[in-house]
């Protein structure tokens, strides 16, 4: 009986450890994805071809922007 109880405790501990390792992997993957997306966004925002319009034509340019799926739209400006 004692052996059975010890076996059950060890088995539940190993399941808990596996679950924690799974969560740790998910957190690690999310962190990597966040870093990649942050780098891509910074690359886009630092690009010389992309700027946010700051004049009377801003609303018109935003409406013509090809990125209709996004709330924040980036527009190309001629320099």
PDB file of N, CA and C in Angstrom:
ATOM      1  N   UNK A   1       0.819  -1.190   0.000  1.00  0.00           N
ATOM      2  CA  UNK A   1       0.000   0.000   0.000  1.00  0.00           C
ATOM      3  C   UNK A   1       0.874   1.269   0.000  1.00  0.00           C
ATOM      4  N   UNK A   2       1.890   1.250   0.837  1.00  0.00           N
ATOM      5  CA  UNK A   2       2.803   2.385   0.915  1.00  0.00           C
ATOM      6  C   UNK A   2       3.489   2.600  -0.441  1.00  0.00           C
ATOM      7  N   UNK A   3       3.895   1.521  -1.097  1.00  0.00           N
ATOM      8  CA  UNK A   3       4.541   1.593  -2.411  1.00  0.00           C
ATOM      9  C   UNK A   3       3.606   2.235  -3.432  1.00  0.00           C
ATOM     10  N   UNK A   4       2.326   1.891  -3.389  1.00  0.00           N
ATOM     11  CA  UNK A   4       1.338   2.439  -4.312  1.00  0.00           C
ATOM     12  C   UNK A   4       1.187   3.949  -4.106  1.00  0.00           C
ATOM     13  N   UNK A   5       1.121   4.390  -2.871  1.00  0.00           N
ATOM     14  CA  UNK A   5       0.978   5.817  -2.569  1.00  0.00           C
ATOM     15  C   UNK A   5       2.213   6.588  -3.037  1.00  0.00           C
ATOM     16  N   UNK A   6       3.388   6.044  -2.763  1.00  0.00           N
ATOM     17  CA  UNK A   6       4.629   6.697  -3.201  1.00  0.00           C
ATOM     18  C   UNK A   6       4.689   6.761  -4.721  1.00  0.00           C
ATOM     19  N   UNK A   7       4.268   5.698  -5.388  1.00  0.00           N
ATOM     20  CA  UNK A   7       4.257   5.675  -6.858  1.00  0.00           C
ATOM     21  C   UNK A   7       3.316   6.734  -7.408  1.00  0.00           C
ATOM     22  N   UNK A   8       2.137   6.870  -6.801  1.00  0.00           N
ATOM     23  CA  UNK A   8       1.174   7.881  -7.256  1.00  0.00           C
ATOM     24  C   UNK A   8       1.719   9.298  -7.056  1.00  0.00           C
ATOM     25  N   UNK A   9       2.371   9.533  -5.939  1.00  0.00           N
ATOM     26  CA  UNK A   9       2.953  10.854  -5.677  1.00  0.00           C
ATOM     27  C   UNK A   9       4.049  11.168  -6.691  1.00  0.00           C
ATOM     28  N   UNK A  10       4.911  10.198  -6.955  1.00  0.00           N
ATOM     29  CA  UNK A  10       5.987  10.413  -7.929  1.00  0.00           C
ATOM     30  C   UNK A  10       5.436  10.627  -9.334  1.00  0.00           C
ATOM     31  N   UNK A  11       4.382   9.877  -9.679  1.00  0.00           N
ATOM     32  CA  UNK A  11       3.789  10.019 -11.005  1.00  0.00           C
ATOM     33  C   UNK A  11       3.147  11.401 -11.153  1.00  0.00           C
ATOM     34  N   UNK A  12       2.426  11.858 -10.128  1.00  0.00           N
ATOM     35  CA  UNK A  12       1.807  13.182 -10.223  1.00  0.00           C
ATOM     36  C   UNK A  12       2.874  14.274 -10.268  1.00  0.00           C
ATOM     37  N   UNK A  13       3.976  14.082  -9.559  1.00  0.00           N
ATOM     38  CA  UNK A  13       5.074  15.056  -9.600  1.00  0.00           C
ATOM     39  C   UNK A  13       5.696  15.118 -10.989  1.00  0.00           C
ATOM     40  N   UNK A  14       5.848  13.972 -11.638  1.00  0.00           N
ATOM     41  CA  UNK A  14       6.440  13.975 -12.980  1.00  0.00           C
ATOM     42  C   UNK A  14       5.492  14.616 -13.989  1.00  0.00           C
ATOM     43  N   UNK A  15       4.162  14.399 -13.833  1.00  0.00           N
ATOM     44  CA  UNK A  15       3.197  15.063 -14.714  1.00  0.00           C
ATOM     45  C   UNK A  15       3.249  16.576 -14.517  1.00  0.00           C
ATOM     46  N   UNK A  16       3.345  17.010 -13.272  1.00  0.00           N
ATOM     47  CA  UNK A  16       3.425  18.447 -12.984  1.00  0.00           C
ATOM     48  C   UNK A  16       4.686  19.048 -13.585  1.00  0.00           C
ATOM     49  N   UNK A  17       5.790  18.339 -13.473  1.00  0.00           N
ATOM     50  CA  UNK A  17       7.052  18.833 -14.023  1.00  0.00           C
ATOM     51  C   UNK A  17       6.962  18.934 -15.545  1.00  0.00           C
ATOM     52  N   UNK A  18       6.348  17.947 -16.182  1.00  0.00           N
ATOM     53  CA  UNK A  18       6.197  17.980 -17.640  1.00  0.00           C
ATOM     54  C   UNK A  18       5.308  19.148 -18.059  1.00  0.00           C
ATOM     55  N   UNK A  19       4.261  19.406 -17.284  1.00  0.00           N
ATOM     56  CA  UNK A  19       3.365  20.515 -17.599  1.00  0.00           C
ATOM     57  C   UNK A  19       4.094  21.852 -17.461  1.00  0.00           C
ATOM     58  N   UNK A  20       4.880  22.000 -16.415  1.00  0.00           N
ATOM     59  CA  UNK A  20       5.658  23.231 -16.217  1.00  0.00           C
ATOM     60  C   UNK A  20       6.665  23.411 -17.350  1.00  0.00           C
ATOM     61  N   UNK A  21       7.313  22.335 -17.770  1.00  0.00           N
ATOM     62  CA  UNK A  21       8.265  22.429 -18.884  1.00  0.00           C
ATOM     63  C   UNK A  21       7.551  22.843 -20.162  1.00  0.00           C
ATOM     64  N   UNK A  22       6.326  22.335 -20.357  1.00  0.00           N
ATOM     65  CA  UNK A  22       5.538  22.739 -21.523  1.00  0.00           C
ATOM     66  C   UNK A  22       5.221  24.226 -21.501  1.00  0.00           C
ATOM     67  N   UNK A  23       4.823  24.726 -20.324  1.00  0.00           N
ATOM     68  CA  UNK A  23       4.549  26.155 -20.192  1.00  0.00           C
ATOM     69  C   UNK A  23       5.812  26.979 -20.424  1.00  0.00           C
ATOM     70  N   UNK A  24       6.931  26.515 -19.912  1.00  0.00           N
ATOM     71  CA  UNK A  24       8.194  27.232 -20.115  1.00  0.00           C
ATOM     72  C   UNK A  24       8.544  27.319 -21.595  1.00  0.00           C
ATOM     73  N   UNK A  25       8.305  26.240 -22.340  1.00  0.00           N
ATOM     74  CA  UNK A  25       8.571  26.253 -23.783  1.00  0.00           C
ATOM     75  C   UNK A  25       7.654  27.246 -24.495  1.00  0.00           C
ATOM     76  N   UNK A  26       6.375  27.271 -24.099  1.00  0.00           N
ATOM     77  CA  UNK A  26       5.430  28.206 -24.710  1.00  0.00           C
ATOM     78  C   UNK A  26       5.841  29.650 -24.436  1.00  0.00           C
ATOM     79  N   UNK A  27       6.272  29.927 -23.208  1.00  0.00           N
ATOM     80  CA  UNK A  27       6.716  31.278 -22.854  1.00  0.00           C
ATOM     81  C   UNK A  27       7.959  31.655 -23.659  1.00  0.00           C
ATOM     82  N   UNK A  28       8.870  30.715 -23.817  1.00  0.00           N
ATOM     83  CA  UNK A  28      10.100  30.961 -24.576  1.00  0.00           C
ATOM     84  C   UNK A  28       9.780  31.263 -26.040  1.00  0.00           C
ATOM     85  N   UNK A  29       8.867  30.482 -26.640  1.00  0.00           N
ATOM     86  CA  UNK A  29       8.481  30.706 -28.035  1.00  0.00           C
ATOM     87  C   UNK A  29       7.802  32.059 -28.199  1.00  0.00           C
ATOM     88  N   UNK A  30       6.937  32.422 -27.250  1.00  0.00           N
ATOM     89  CA  UNK A  30       6.254  33.715 -27.327  1.00  0.00           C
ATOM     90  C   UNK A  30       7.256  34.859 -27.215  1.00  0.00           C
ATOM     91  N   UNK A  31       8.249  34.698 -26.370  1.00  0.00           N
ATOM     92  CA  UNK A  31       9.269  35.729 -26.196  1.00  0.00           C
ATOM     93  C   UNK A  31      10.078  35.909 -27.475  1.00  0.00           C
ATOM     94  N   UNK A  32      10.429  34.812 -28.110  1.00  0.00           N
ATOM     95  CA  UNK A  32      11.181  34.873 -29.368  1.00  0.00           C
ATOM     96  C   UNK A  32      10.339  35.546 -30.444  1.00  0.00           C
ATOM     97  N   UNK A  33       9.045  35.176 -30.533  1.00  0.00           N
ATOM     98  CA  UNK A  33       8.155  35.783 -31.522  1.00  0.00           C
ATOM     99  C   UNK A  33       8.028  37.280 -31.291  1.00  0.00           C
ATOM    100  N   UNK A  34       7.913  37.685 -30.027  1.00  0.00           N
ATOM    101  CA  UNK A  34       7.800  39.103 -29.709  1.00  0.00           C
ATOM    102  C   UNK A  34       9.052  39.855 -30.145  1.00  0.00           C
ATOM    103  N   UNK A  35      10.216  39.284 -29.905  1.00  0.00           N
ATOM    104  CA  UNK A  35      11.467  39.942 -30.294  1.00  0.00           C
ATOM    105  C   UNK A  35      11.555  40.089 -31.804  1.00  0.00           C
ATOM    106  N   UNK A  36      11.165  39.047 -32.534  1.00  0.00           N
ATOM    107  CA  UNK A  36      11.207  39.103 -33.999  1.00  0.00           C
ATOM    108  C   UNK A  36      10.261  40.178 -34.515  1.00  0.00           C
ATOM    109  N   UNK A  37       9.030  40.201 -33.985  1.00  0.00           N
ATOM    110  CA  UNK A  37       8.058  41.197 -34.429  1.00  0.00           C
ATOM    111  C   UNK A  37       8.505  42.612 -34.078  1.00  0.00           C
ATOM    112  N   UNK A  38       9.101  42.783 -32.914  1.00  0.00           N
ATOM    113  CA  UNK A  38       9.588  44.101 -32.508  1.00  0.00           C
ATOM    114  C   UNK A  38      10.686  44.574 -33.454  1.00  0.00           C
ATOM    115  N   UNK A  39      11.612  43.670 -33.833  1.00  0.00           N
ATOM    116  CA  UNK A  39      12.688  44.038 -34.762  1.00  0.00           C
ATOM    117  C   UNK A  39      12.128  44.416 -36.126  1.00  0.00           C
ATOM    118  N   UNK A  40      11.135  43.654 -36.601  1.00  0.00           N
ATOM    119  CA  UNK A  40      10.530  43.968 -37.902  1.00  0.00           C
ATOM    120  C   UNK A  40       9.842  45.323 -37.871  1.00  0.00           C
ATOM    121  N   UNK A  41       9.104  45.592 -36.789  1.00  0.00           N
ATOM    122  CA  UNK A  41       8.414  46.871 -36.674  1.00  0.00           C
ATOM    123  C   UNK A  41       9.404  48.027 -36.636  1.00  0.00           C
ATOM    124  N   UNK A  42      10.482  47.882 -35.875  1.00  0.00           N
ATOM    125  CA  UNK A  42      11.492  48.940 -35.823  1.00  0.00           C
ATOM    126  C   UNK A  42      12.148  49.155 -37.180  1.00  0.00           C
ATOM    127  N   UNK A  43      12.381  48.064 -37.909  1.00  0.00           N
ATOM    128  CA  UNK A  43      12.977  48.185 -39.242  1.00  0.00           C
ATOM    129  C   UNK A  43      12.040  48.965 -40.164  1.00  0.00           C
ATOM    130  N   UNK A  44      10.739  48.687 -40.073  1.00  0.00           N
ATOM    131  CA  UNK A  44       9.769  49.397 -40.909  1.00  0.00           C
ATOM    132  C   UNK A  44       9.707  50.869 -40.520  1.00  0.00           C
ATOM    133  N   UNK A  45       9.632  51.128 -39.212  1.00  0.00           N
ATOM    134  CA  UNK A  45       9.507  52.512 -38.759  1.00  0.00           C
ATOM    135  C   UNK A  45      10.763  53.325 -39.027  1.00  0.00           C
ATOM    136  N   UNK A  46      11.919  52.690 -39.057  1.00  0.00           N
ATOM    137  CA  UNK A  46      13.169  53.401 -39.318  1.00  0.00           C
ATOM    138  C   UNK A  46      13.458  53.562 -40.805  1.00  0.00           C
ATOM    139  N   UNK A  47      12.643  52.955 -41.637  1.00  0.00           N
ATOM    140  CA  UNK A  47      12.853  53.029 -43.076  1.00  0.00           C
ATOM    141  C   UNK A  47      12.663  54.463 -43.563  1.00  0.00           C
ATOM    142  N   UNK A  48      13.486  54.884 -44.507  1.00  0.00           N
ATOM    143  CA  UNK A  48      13.375  56.252 -45.029  1.00  0.00           C
ATOM    144  C   UNK A  48      12.176  56.410 -45.955  1.00  0.00           C
ATOM    145  N   UNK A  49      11.622  55.307 -46.433  1.00  0.00           N
ATOM    146  CA  UNK A  49      10.493  55.386 -47.355  1.00  0.00           C
ATOM    147  C   UNK A  49       9.154  55.445 -46.635  1.00  0.00           C
ATOM    148  N   UNK A  50       9.153  55.265 -45.332  1.00  0.00           N
ATOM    149  CA  UNK A  50       7.897  55.195 -44.603  1.00  0.00           C
ATOM    150  C   UNK A  50       7.836  56.313 -43.578  1.00  0.00           C
ATOM    151  N   UNK A  51       6.722  57.008 -43.563  1.00  0.00           N
ATOM    152  CA  UNK A  51       6.515  58.061 -42.570  1.00  0.00           C
ATOM    153  C   UNK A  51       5.021  58.221 -42.357  1.00  0.00           C
ATOM    154  N   UNK A  52       4.649  58.870 -41.305  1.00  0.00           N
ATOM    155  CA  UNK A  52       3.230  59.134 -41.073  1.00  0.00           C
ATOM    156  C   UNK A  52       2.957  60.548 -41.564  1.00  0.00           C
ATOM    157  N   UNK A  53       1.949  60.675 -42.392  1.00  0.00           N
ATOM    158  CA  UNK A  53       1.639  61.968 -42.991  1.00  0.00           C
ATOM    159  C   UNK A  53       1.230  62.964 -41.914  1.00  0.00           C
ATOM    160  N   UNK A  54       1.747  64.179 -42.025  1.00  0.00           N
ATOM    161  CA  UNK A  54       1.460  65.203 -41.015  1.00  0.00           C
ATOM    162  C   UNK A  54       0.999  66.496 -41.677  1.00  0.00           C
ATOM    163  N   UNK A  55       0.068  66.380 -42.605  1.00  0.00           N
ATOM    164  CA  UNK A  55      -0.448  67.585 -43.250  1.00  0.00           C
ATOM    165  C   UNK A  55      -1.941  67.412 -43.532  1.00  0.00           C
ATOM    166  N   UNK A  56      -2.514  68.353 -44.319  1.00  0.00           N
ATOM    167  CA  UNK A  56      -3.950  68.304 -44.603  1.00  0.00           C
ATOM    168  C   UNK A  56      -4.342  67.050 -45.384  1.00  0.00           C
ATOM    169  N   UNK A  57      -3.425  66.504 -46.139  1.00  0.00           N
ATOM    170  CA  UNK A  57      -3.724  65.344 -46.976  1.00  0.00           C
ATOM    171  C   UNK A  57      -3.595  64.028 -46.219  1.00  0.00           C
ATOM    172  N   UNK A  58      -3.320  64.082 -44.934  1.00  0.00           N
ATOM    173  CA  UNK A  58      -3.073  62.859 -44.161  1.00  0.00           C
ATOM    174  C   UNK A  58      -4.249  61.899 -44.226  1.00  0.00           C
ATOM    175  N   UNK A  59      -5.466  62.410 -44.014  1.00  0.00           N
ATOM    176  CA  UNK A  59      -6.634  61.525 -44.009  1.00  0.00           C
ATOM    177  C   UNK A  59      -6.821  60.861 -45.370  1.00  0.00           C
ATOM    178  N   UNK A  60      -6.656  61.631 -46.442  1.00  0.00           N
ATOM    179  CA  UNK A  60      -6.790  61.079 -47.795  1.00  0.00           C
ATOM    180  C   UNK A  60      -5.722  60.020 -48.062  1.00  0.00           C
ATOM    181  N   UNK A  61      -4.492  60.296 -47.649  1.00  0.00           N
ATOM    182  CA  UNK A  61      -3.416  59.334 -47.851  1.00  0.00           C
ATOM    183  C   UNK A  61      -3.661  58.060 -47.054  1.00  0.00           C
ATOM    184  N   UNK A  62      -4.179  58.210 -45.842  1.00  0.00           N
ATOM    185  CA  UNK A  62      -4.458  57.028 -45.028  1.00  0.00           C
ATOM    186  C   UNK A  62      -5.561  56.180 -45.651  1.00  0.00           C
ATOM    187  N   UNK A  63      -6.563  56.835 -46.245  1.00  0.00           N
ATOM    188  CA  UNK A  63      -7.648  56.084 -46.880  1.00  0.00           C
ATOM    189  C   UNK A  63      -7.148  55.331 -48.109  1.00  0.00           C
ATOM    190  N   UNK A  64      -6.157  55.870 -48.797  1.00  0.00           N
ATOM    191  CA  UNK A  64      -5.611  55.212 -49.984  1.00  0.00           C
ATOM    192  C   UNK A  64      -4.541  54.183 -49.640  1.00  0.00           C
ATOM    193  N   UNK A  65      -4.194  54.107 -48.379  1.00  0.00           N
ATOM    194  CA  UNK A  65      -3.137  53.196 -47.946  1.00  0.00           C
ATOM    195  C   UNK A  65      -3.519  51.754 -48.262  1.00  0.00           C
ATOM    196  N   UNK A  66      -2.561  50.947 -48.735  1.00  0.00           N
ATOM    197  CA  UNK A  66      -2.865  49.554 -49.080  1.00  0.00           C
ATOM    198  C   UNK A  66      -3.101  48.657 -47.866  1.00  0.00           C
ATOM    199  N   UNK A  67      -2.762  49.116 -46.687  1.00  0.00           N
ATOM    200  CA  UNK A  67      -2.882  48.257 -45.504  1.00  0.00           C
ATOM    201  C   UNK A  67      -4.207  48.494 -44.789  1.00  0.00           C
ATOM    202  N   UNK A  68      -5.301  48.125 -45.416  1.00  0.00           N
ATOM    203  CA  UNK A  68      -6.628  48.351 -44.858  1.00  0.00           C
ATOM    204  C   UNK A  68      -6.917  47.481 -43.637  1.00  0.00           C
ATOM    205  N   UNK A  69      -6.139  46.432 -43.419  1.00  0.00           N
ATOM    206  CA  UNK A  69      -6.391  45.520 -42.309  1.00  0.00           C
ATOM    207  C   UNK A  69      -5.867  46.038 -40.979  1.00  0.00           C
ATOM    208  N   UNK A  70      -5.115  47.101 -40.987  1.00  0.00           N
ATOM    209  CA  UNK A  70      -4.483  47.580 -39.767  1.00  0.00           C
ATOM    210  C   UNK A  70      -5.096  48.896 -39.320  1.00  0.00           C
ATOM    211  N   UNK A  71      -5.150  49.090 -38.016  1.00  0.00           N
ATOM    212  CA  UNK A  71      -5.656  50.352 -37.483  1.00  0.00           C
ATOM    213  C   UNK A  71      -4.663  51.481 -37.734  1.00  0.00           C
ATOM    214  N   UNK A  72      -3.384  51.189 -37.596  1.00  0.00           N
ATOM    215  CA  UNK A  72      -2.350  52.184 -37.863  1.00  0.00           C
ATOM    216  C   UNK A  72      -1.829  51.923 -39.257  1.00  0.00           C
ATOM    217  N   UNK A  73      -1.937  52.916 -40.106  1.00  0.00           N
ATOM    218  CA  UNK A  73      -1.519  52.731 -41.487  1.00  0.00           C
ATOM    219  C   UNK A  73      -0.291  53.592 -41.748  1.00  0.00           C
ATOM    220  N   UNK A  74       0.653  53.032 -42.443  1.00  0.00           N
ATOM    221  CA  UNK A  74       1.867  53.756 -42.808  1.00  0.00           C
ATOM    222  C   UNK A  74       1.740  54.189 -44.259  1.00  0.00           C
ATOM    223  N   UNK A  75       2.152  55.401 -44.537  1.00  0.00           N
ATOM    224  CA  UNK A  75       2.058  55.893 -45.909  1.00  0.00           C
ATOM    225  C   UNK A  75       3.441  56.273 -46.411  1.00  0.00           C
ATOM    226  N   UNK A  76       3.658  56.097 -47.697  1.00  0.00           N
ATOM    227  CA  UNK A  76       4.934  56.455 -48.323  1.00  0.00           C
ATOM    228  C   UNK A  76       4.893  57.946 -48.665  1.00  0.00           C
ATOM    229  N   UNK A  77       5.961  58.623 -48.352  1.00  0.00           N
ATOM    230  CA  UNK A  77       6.047  60.046 -48.687  1.00  0.00           C
ATOM    231  C   UNK A  77       7.186  60.249 -49.671  1.00  0.00           C
ATOM    232  N   UNK A  78       6.980  61.181 -50.574  1.00  0.00           N
ATOM    233  CA  UNK A  78       8.026  61.512 -51.546  1.00  0.00           C
ATOM    234  C   UNK A  78       8.932  62.556 -50.924  1.00  0.00           C
ATOM    235  N   UNK A  79      10.239  62.265 -50.914  1.00  0.00           N
ATOM    236  CA  UNK A  79      11.185  63.212 -50.315  1.00  0.00           C
ATOM    237  C   UNK A  79      11.968  63.926 -51.372  1.00  0.00           C
TER     238      UNK A  79
END
